[in-house]
Amino acid sequence: MACQRSQDAANFVFEGKKIIGVALNYMCAVNARKVPVPKEPIVFLKPTTSYIREGSPIVLPKVFTKVAYEVELGVIIGSRCKNVSREQAMQHVGGYCLALDLTAQCNLTAARATGGSWTLGKGFDTSTPVSRLIPLDAVNDPHALPLWLKVNGEVQQSGCTADLVFKVPDIIAYVSKYMTLEPNDLILTGTPHGSDAFKAGDVIECGLADLATMKFNVCDE
């Protein structure tokens, strides 16, 4: 089934210049994969053309055979920062969102084996569904937020941001050593254990505490 994307988007979707993802950033995922805990954040970039919001479908590209869901806390940058300290980092947060970091595992498996780029497997169109902006005053502690994901009504991921390996200020301070963070840039903080493939015809639902939920239909390109 082919389908088209809607043009609806929040301001940060229109105005942000980059999406920064962090991989392997939940202890439950590290333990499940039986790999060493990262010593520094594992960072990748996604294009803003990958954004969608509710009302648009997730479209699976013809070139991929295995695409997986990853539910995440998104951190929206509120003010420009460069070389910011961990202690000052939270002053540059403008808000939060619920996000999905959809990942072509077929592509990333090959990329990891050859030392290749993650860009295509992470940055395809519709690979970054996001909720509305969640204001700062709605979040007492970004490191105490439960998040979940269901496929066709069945829970597939369930976790809490307390399990993050690198906390929000750690990530901002680390990334800002290398690149300037600008208003409406989005940081994807990682996903709990349970990421797996999904297919056309599935319905994906996810939530972040009592702050946001999203629901998307999935179709083939």
C-alpha atoms as a PDB file:
ATOM      1  CA  MET A   1       0.000   0.000   0.000  1.00  0.00           C
ATOM      2  CA  ALA A   2       1.491   3.337  -1.019  1.00  0.00           C
ATOM      3  CA  CYS A   3       0.616   6.561   0.795  1.00  0.00           C
ATOM      4  CA  GLN A   4       1.521  10.212   1.075  1.00  0.00           C
ATOM      5  CA  ARG A   5       2.843  12.344   3.925  1.00  0.00           C
ATOM      6  CA  SER A   6       0.911  15.218   5.488  1.00  0.00           C
ATOM      7  CA  GLN A   7       2.546  18.651   5.792  1.00  0.00           C
ATOM      8  CA  ASP A   8       1.528  19.217   9.433  1.00  0.00           C
ATOM      9  CA  ALA A   9       4.488  19.916  11.723  1.00  0.00           C
ATOM     10  CA  ALA A  10       5.415  21.788  14.904  1.00  0.00           C
ATOM     11  CA  ASN A  11       7.585  24.903  14.739  1.00  0.00           C
ATOM     12  CA  PHE A  12      10.747  23.086  15.759  1.00  0.00           C
ATOM     13  CA  VAL A  13      10.251  20.694  12.846  1.00  0.00           C
ATOM     14  CA  PHE A  14      10.281  23.611  10.427  1.00  0.00           C
ATOM     15  CA  GLU A  15      13.042  25.599  12.093  1.00  0.00           C
ATOM     16  CA  GLY A  16      15.553  23.069  13.463  1.00  0.00           C
ATOM     17  CA  LYS A  17      18.693  22.544  11.414  1.00  0.00           C
ATOM     18  CA  LYS A  18      19.765  19.120  12.649  1.00  0.00           C
ATOM     19  CA  ILE A  19      18.781  15.985  14.523  1.00  0.00           C
ATOM     20  CA  ILE A  20      21.441  14.404  16.737  1.00  0.00           C
ATOM     21  CA  GLY A  21      20.953  10.807  17.837  1.00  0.00           C
ATOM     22  CA  VAL A  22      22.677   8.875  20.602  1.00  0.00           C
ATOM     23  CA  ALA A  23      23.026   5.104  20.207  1.00  0.00           C
ATOM     24  CA  LEU A  24      23.296   2.411  22.899  1.00  0.00           C
ATOM     25  CA  ASN A  25      22.342   4.822  25.681  1.00  0.00           C
ATOM     26  CA  TYR A  26      20.187   2.642  27.979  1.00  0.00           C
ATOM     27  CA  MET A  27      21.764   0.239  30.439  1.00  0.00           C
ATOM     28  CA  CYS A  28      19.049  -2.337  29.717  1.00  0.00           C
ATOM     29  CA  ALA A  29      20.051  -2.288  26.030  1.00  0.00           C
ATOM     30  CA  VAL A  30      23.765  -2.506  26.878  1.00  0.00           C
ATOM     31  CA  ASN A  31      23.121  -5.482  29.157  1.00  0.00           C
ATOM     32  CA  ALA A  32      20.853  -7.235  26.643  1.00  0.00           C
ATOM     33  CA  ARG A  33      23.446  -6.940  23.897  1.00  0.00           C
ATOM     34  CA  LYS A  34      26.268  -7.972  26.273  1.00  0.00           C
ATOM     35  CA  VAL A  35      28.549  -5.202  25.092  1.00  0.00           C
ATOM     36  CA  PRO A  36      30.772  -2.803  27.063  1.00  0.00           C
ATOM     37  CA  VAL A  37      29.199   0.357  28.440  1.00  0.00           C
ATOM     38  CA  PRO A  38      30.183   3.214  26.093  1.00  0.00           C
ATOM     39  CA  LYS A  39      32.819   5.536  27.527  1.00  0.00           C
ATOM     40  CA  GLU A  40      31.507   8.448  25.456  1.00  0.00           C
ATOM     41  CA  PRO A  41      28.160   9.040  23.697  1.00  0.00           C
ATOM     42  CA  ILE A  42      27.863   7.287  20.336  1.00  0.00           C
ATOM     43  CA  VAL A  43      26.533  10.099  18.160  1.00  0.00           C
ATOM     44  CA  PHE A  44      25.001  10.177  14.679  1.00  0.00           C
ATOM     45  CA  LEU A  45      23.113  12.780  12.597  1.00  0.00           C
ATOM     46  CA  LYS A  46      19.759  12.629  10.825  1.00  0.00           C
ATOM     47  CA  PRO A  47      18.325  15.119   8.303  1.00  0.00           C
ATOM     48  CA  THR A  48      15.291  17.201   9.215  1.00  0.00           C
ATOM     49  CA  THR A  49      13.553  15.850   6.099  1.00  0.00           C
ATOM     50  CA  SER A  50      12.992  12.682   8.154  1.00  0.00           C
ATOM     51  CA  TYR A  51      10.455  14.423  10.436  1.00  0.00           C
ATOM     52  CA  ILE A  52       6.766  13.490  10.496  1.00  0.00           C
ATOM     53  CA  ARG A  53       3.963  14.035  12.997  1.00  0.00           C
ATOM     54  CA  GLU A  54       0.652  12.320  13.719  1.00  0.00           C
ATOM     55  CA  GLY A  55      -1.590  12.333  10.673  1.00  0.00           C
ATOM     56  CA  SER A  56       1.239  11.246   8.408  1.00  0.00           C
ATOM     57  CA  PRO A  57       2.096   7.569   7.897  1.00  0.00           C
ATOM     58  CA  ILE A  58       5.426   5.878   8.450  1.00  0.00           C
ATOM     59  CA  VAL A  59       6.570   4.866   4.958  1.00  0.00           C
ATOM     60  CA  LEU A  60       8.955   1.923   4.603  1.00  0.00           C
ATOM     61  CA  PRO A  61      11.438   2.510   1.746  1.00  0.00           C
ATOM     62  CA  LYS A  62      11.600  -0.073  -1.028  1.00  0.00           C
ATOM     63  CA  VAL A  63      15.362  -0.400  -0.571  1.00  0.00           C
ATOM     64  CA  PHE A  64      15.131  -1.733   3.010  1.00  0.00           C
ATOM     65  CA  THR A  65      14.106  -5.207   4.151  1.00  0.00           C
ATOM     66  CA  LYS A  66      14.149  -4.689   7.930  1.00  0.00           C
ATOM     67  CA  VAL A  67      13.201  -1.462   9.688  1.00  0.00           C
ATOM     68  CA  ALA A  68      12.917  -1.305  13.489  1.00  0.00           C
ATOM     69  CA  TYR A  69      11.139   1.012  15.951  1.00  0.00           C
ATOM     70  CA  GLU A  70      12.951   2.867  18.757  1.00  0.00           C
ATOM     71  CA  VAL A  71      10.960   5.025  21.212  1.00  0.00           C
ATOM     72  CA  GLU A  72      12.909   7.938  22.700  1.00  0.00           C
ATOM     73  CA  LEU A  73      12.872  11.119  24.755  1.00  0.00           C
ATOM     74  CA  GLY A  74      13.647  14.062  22.489  1.00  0.00           C
ATOM     75  CA  VAL A  75      15.400  17.162  23.841  1.00  0.00           C
ATOM     76  CA  ILE A  76      14.825  20.414  21.951  1.00  0.00           C
ATOM     77  CA  ILE A  77      17.572  23.021  22.132  1.00  0.00           C
ATOM     78  CA  GLY A  78      16.306  26.456  23.165  1.00  0.00           C
ATOM     79  CA  SER A  79      19.390  28.640  22.778  1.00  0.00           C
ATOM     80  CA  ARG A  80      22.656  28.524  20.887  1.00  0.00           C
ATOM     81  CA  CYS A  81      25.558  26.890  22.720  1.00  0.00           C
ATOM     82  CA  LYS A  82      29.136  25.833  22.009  1.00  0.00           C
ATOM     83  CA  ASN A  83      31.596  24.228  24.438  1.00  0.00           C
ATOM     84  CA  VAL A  84      28.998  24.412  27.180  1.00  0.00           C
ATOM     85  CA  SER A  85      29.765  22.756  30.515  1.00  0.00           C
ATOM     86  CA  ARG A  86      27.687  19.951  31.965  1.00  0.00           C
ATOM     87  CA  GLU A  87      26.662  22.309  34.782  1.00  0.00           C
ATOM     88  CA  GLN A  88      25.379  24.950  32.342  1.00  0.00           C
ATOM     89  CA  ALA A  89      23.930  22.592  29.721  1.00  0.00           C
ATOM     90  CA  MET A  90      20.334  22.461  30.963  1.00  0.00           C
ATOM     91  CA  GLN A  91      20.059  26.249  30.591  1.00  0.00           C
ATOM     92  CA  HIS A  92      20.059  25.651  26.828  1.00  0.00           C
ATOM     93  CA  VAL A  93      17.117  23.213  26.792  1.00  0.00           C
ATOM     94  CA  GLY A  94      13.948  24.739  25.359  1.00  0.00           C
ATOM     95  CA  GLY A  95      11.604  21.783  25.751  1.00  0.00           C
ATOM     96  CA  TYR A  96      11.077  18.104  25.113  1.00  0.00           C
ATOM     97  CA  CYS A  97       9.154  15.776  22.835  1.00  0.00           C
ATOM     98  CA  LEU A  98       8.291  12.128  22.358  1.00  0.00           C
ATOM     99  CA  ALA A  99      10.103  10.721  19.339  1.00  0.00           C
ATOM    100  CA  LEU A 100      10.743   7.590  17.313  1.00  0.00           C
ATOM    101  CA  ASP A 101      14.137   6.901  15.792  1.00  0.00           C
ATOM    102  CA  LEU A 102      13.245   4.422  13.063  1.00  0.00           C
ATOM    103  CA  THR A 103      16.253   2.398  11.989  1.00  0.00           C
ATOM    104  CA  ALA A 104      16.915   0.241   8.932  1.00  0.00           C
ATOM    105  CA  GLN A 105      18.620  -2.633  10.718  1.00  0.00           C
ATOM    106  CA  CYS A 106      19.389  -4.317   7.405  1.00  0.00           C
ATOM    107  CA  ASN A 107      21.480  -1.288   6.430  1.00  0.00           C
ATOM    108  CA  LEU A 108      23.118  -0.740   9.830  1.00  0.00           C
ATOM    109  CA  THR A 109      24.156  -4.382  10.180  1.00  0.00           C
ATOM    110  CA  ALA A 110      26.108  -4.096   6.940  1.00  0.00           C
ATOM    111  CA  ALA A 111      27.482  -0.675   7.919  1.00  0.00           C
ATOM    112  CA  ARG A 112      28.750  -1.927  11.277  1.00  0.00           C
ATOM    113  CA  ALA A 113      30.441  -4.921   9.630  1.00  0.00           C
ATOM    114  CA  THR A 114      32.332  -2.747   7.137  1.00  0.00           C
ATOM    115  CA  GLY A 115      32.812   0.397   9.205  1.00  0.00           C
ATOM    116  CA  GLY A 116      30.394   2.202   6.899  1.00  0.00           C
ATOM    117  CA  SER A 117      28.088   5.145   7.512  1.00  0.00           C
ATOM    118  CA  TRP A 118      24.806   4.935   9.439  1.00  0.00           C
ATOM    119  CA  THR A 119      23.330   7.871   7.502  1.00  0.00           C
ATOM    120  CA  LEU A 120      21.023   6.061   5.088  1.00  0.00           C
ATOM    121  CA  GLY A 121      19.799   3.551   7.660  1.00  0.00           C
ATOM    122  CA  LYS A 122      18.923   6.313  10.117  1.00  0.00           C
ATOM    123  CA  GLY A 123      17.984   9.254   7.917  1.00  0.00           C
ATOM    124  CA  PHE A 124      15.385   8.020   5.438  1.00  0.00           C
ATOM    125  CA  ASP A 125      12.128   9.939   4.947  1.00  0.00           C
ATOM    126  CA  THR A 126       9.590   9.464   7.802  1.00  0.00           C
ATOM    127  CA  SER A 127      12.256   7.968  10.096  1.00  0.00           C
ATOM    128  CA  THR A 128      11.777  10.598  12.831  1.00  0.00           C
ATOM    129  CA  PRO A 129       8.167  10.835  14.014  1.00  0.00           C
ATOM    130  CA  VAL A 130       7.806  13.462  16.764  1.00  0.00           C
ATOM    131  CA  SER A 131       5.104  14.735  19.107  1.00  0.00           C
ATOM    132  CA  ARG A 132       4.203  18.323  19.845  1.00  0.00           C
ATOM    133  CA  LEU A 133       6.686  20.300  21.915  1.00  0.00           C
ATOM    134  CA  ILE A 134       6.454  19.525  25.641  1.00  0.00           C
ATOM    135  CA  PRO A 135       7.210  22.741  27.608  1.00  0.00           C
ATOM    136  CA  LEU A 136       9.940  22.837  30.220  1.00  0.00           C
ATOM    137  CA  ASP A 137       7.535  23.509  33.083  1.00  0.00           C
ATOM    138  CA  ALA A 138       5.692  20.247  32.349  1.00  0.00           C
ATOM    139  CA  VAL A 139       8.812  18.164  33.102  1.00  0.00           C
ATOM    140  CA  ASN A 140      10.102  18.127  36.675  1.00  0.00           C
ATOM    141  CA  ASP A 141      12.924  15.693  35.914  1.00  0.00           C
ATOM    142  CA  PRO A 142      13.795  14.482  32.396  1.00  0.00           C
ATOM    143  CA  HIS A 143      15.592  11.521  33.993  1.00  0.00           C
ATOM    144  CA  ALA A 144      12.472  10.057  35.612  1.00  0.00           C
ATOM    145  CA  LEU A 145      10.124   9.616  32.659  1.00  0.00           C
ATOM    146  CA  PRO A 146       8.584   6.253  31.734  1.00  0.00           C
ATOM    147  CA  LEU A 147       8.226   5.541  28.031  1.00  0.00           C
ATOM    148  CA  TRP A 148       6.583   2.710  26.106  1.00  0.00           C
ATOM    149  CA  LEU A 149       5.824   1.478  22.608  1.00  0.00           C
ATOM    150  CA  LYS A 150       3.133  -0.858  21.293  1.00  0.00           C
ATOM    151  CA  VAL A 151       2.783  -2.573  17.926  1.00  0.00           C
ATOM    152  CA  ASN A 152      -0.793  -3.552  17.080  1.00  0.00           C
ATOM    153  CA  GLY A 153      -1.750  -3.063  20.710  1.00  0.00           C
ATOM    154  CA  GLU A 154       1.005  -5.258  22.176  1.00  0.00           C
ATOM    155  CA  VAL A 155       3.706  -3.686  24.362  1.00  0.00           C
ATOM    156  CA  GLN A 156       7.136  -4.141  22.765  1.00  0.00           C
ATOM    157  CA  GLN A 157       9.228  -1.558  24.607  1.00  0.00           C
ATOM    158  CA  SER A 158       8.931  -0.302  28.168  1.00  0.00           C
ATOM    159  CA  GLY A 159      11.566   1.682  30.030  1.00  0.00           C
ATOM    160  CA  CYS A 160      12.424   4.809  31.976  1.00  0.00           C
ATOM    161  CA  THR A 161      14.852   7.638  31.300  1.00  0.00           C
ATOM    162  CA  ALA A 162      16.407   6.923  34.702  1.00  0.00           C
ATOM    163  CA  ASP A 163      18.199   4.105  32.849  1.00  0.00           C
ATOM    164  CA  LEU A 164      20.084   6.456  30.505  1.00  0.00           C
ATOM    165  CA  VAL A 165      23.838   5.845  30.384  1.00  0.00           C
ATOM    166  CA  PHE A 166      24.543   9.473  29.473  1.00  0.00           C
ATOM    167  CA  LYS A 167      22.094  11.988  30.917  1.00  0.00           C
ATOM    168  CA  VAL A 168      20.782  15.027  29.045  1.00  0.00           C
ATOM    169  CA  PRO A 169      23.479  17.482  30.282  1.00  0.00           C
ATOM    170  CA  ASP A 170      26.195  14.922  29.513  1.00  0.00           C
ATOM    171  CA  ILE A 171      25.008  14.680  25.905  1.00  0.00           C
ATOM    172  CA  ILE A 172      24.662  18.429  25.381  1.00  0.00           C
ATOM    173  CA  ALA A 173      28.100  19.140  26.844  1.00  0.00           C
ATOM    174  CA  TYR A 174      29.719  16.375  24.780  1.00  0.00           C
ATOM    175  CA  VAL A 175      28.128  17.282  21.449  1.00  0.00           C
ATOM    176  CA  SER A 176      28.731  21.020  21.920  1.00  0.00           C
ATOM    177  CA  LYS A 177      32.478  20.361  22.074  1.00  0.00           C
ATOM    178  CA  TYR A 178      32.313  19.388  18.411  1.00  0.00           C
ATOM    179  CA  MET A 179      29.426  21.345  16.896  1.00  0.00           C
ATOM    180  CA  THR A 180      27.348  24.381  17.754  1.00  0.00           C
ATOM    181  CA  LEU A 181      23.857  23.540  18.953  1.00  0.00           C
ATOM    182  CA  GLU A 182      21.193  25.950  17.727  1.00  0.00           C
ATOM    183  CA  PRO A 183      17.576  26.703  18.642  1.00  0.00           C
ATOM    184  CA  ASN A 184      15.159  23.935  17.595  1.00  0.00           C
ATOM    185  CA  ASP A 185      17.887  21.338  17.041  1.00  0.00           C
ATOM    186  CA  LEU A 186      16.678  17.976  18.358  1.00  0.00           C
ATOM    187  CA  ILE A 187      18.648  15.469  20.419  1.00  0.00           C
ATOM    188  CA  LEU A 188      17.360  11.884  20.453  1.00  0.00           C
ATOM    189  CA  THR A 189      18.579  10.396  23.727  1.00  0.00           C
ATOM    190  CA  GLY A 190      18.433   6.668  22.928  1.00  0.00           C
ATOM    191  CA  THR A 191      15.986   3.805  23.270  1.00  0.00           C
ATOM    192  CA  PRO A 192      15.347   1.055  25.846  1.00  0.00           C
ATOM    193  CA  HIS A 193      15.790  -2.629  25.084  1.00  0.00           C
ATOM    194  CA  GLY A 194      13.149  -4.224  22.868  1.00  0.00           C
ATOM    195  CA  SER A 195      13.679  -2.571  19.497  1.00  0.00           C
ATOM    196  CA  ASP A 196      12.537  -4.881  16.701  1.00  0.00           C
ATOM    197  CA  ALA A 197      11.341  -4.879  13.104  1.00  0.00           C
ATOM    198  CA  PHE A 198       7.862  -3.903  11.988  1.00  0.00           C
ATOM    199  CA  LYS A 199       6.018  -4.065   8.664  1.00  0.00           C
ATOM    200  CA  ALA A 200       3.441  -2.393   6.453  1.00  0.00           C
ATOM    201  CA  GLY A 201      -0.051  -2.668   7.928  1.00  0.00           C
ATOM    202  CA  ASP A 202       1.185  -2.382  11.522  1.00  0.00           C
ATOM    203  CA  VAL A 203       0.019   0.349  13.876  1.00  0.00           C
ATOM    204  CA  ILE A 204       2.671   1.829  16.155  1.00  0.00           C
ATOM    205  CA  GLU A 205       1.687   3.655  19.358  1.00  0.00           C
ATOM    206  CA  CYS A 206       4.033   5.153  21.930  1.00  0.00           C
ATOM    207  CA  GLY A 207       3.977   7.365  24.986  1.00  0.00           C
ATOM    208  CA  LEU A 208       6.113   9.401  27.374  1.00  0.00           C
ATOM    209  CA  ALA A 209       4.803   9.496  30.976  1.00  0.00           C
ATOM    210  CA  ASP A 210       1.499  11.406  30.913  1.00  0.00           C
ATOM    211  CA  LEU A 211       3.035  14.078  28.695  1.00  0.00           C
ATOM    212  CA  ALA A 212       2.578  12.803  25.141  1.00  0.00           C
ATOM    213  CA  THR A 213       1.349   9.892  23.041  1.00  0.00           C
ATOM    214  CA  MET A 214       1.548   9.219  19.309  1.00  0.00           C
ATOM    215  CA  LYS A 215      -0.024   6.731  16.889  1.00  0.00           C
ATOM    216  CA  PHE A 216       1.083   5.964  13.337  1.00  0.00           C
ATOM    217  CA  ASN A 217      -0.037   3.676  10.547  1.00  0.00           C
ATOM    218  CA  VAL A 218       2.723   1.965   8.573  1.00  0.00           C
ATOM    219  CA  CYS A 219       2.745   1.484   4.811  1.00  0.00           C
ATOM    220  CA  ASP A 220       5.128   0.510   2.029  1.00  0.00           C
ATOM    221  CA  GLU A 221       6.631   3.097  -0.296  1.00  0.00           C
END
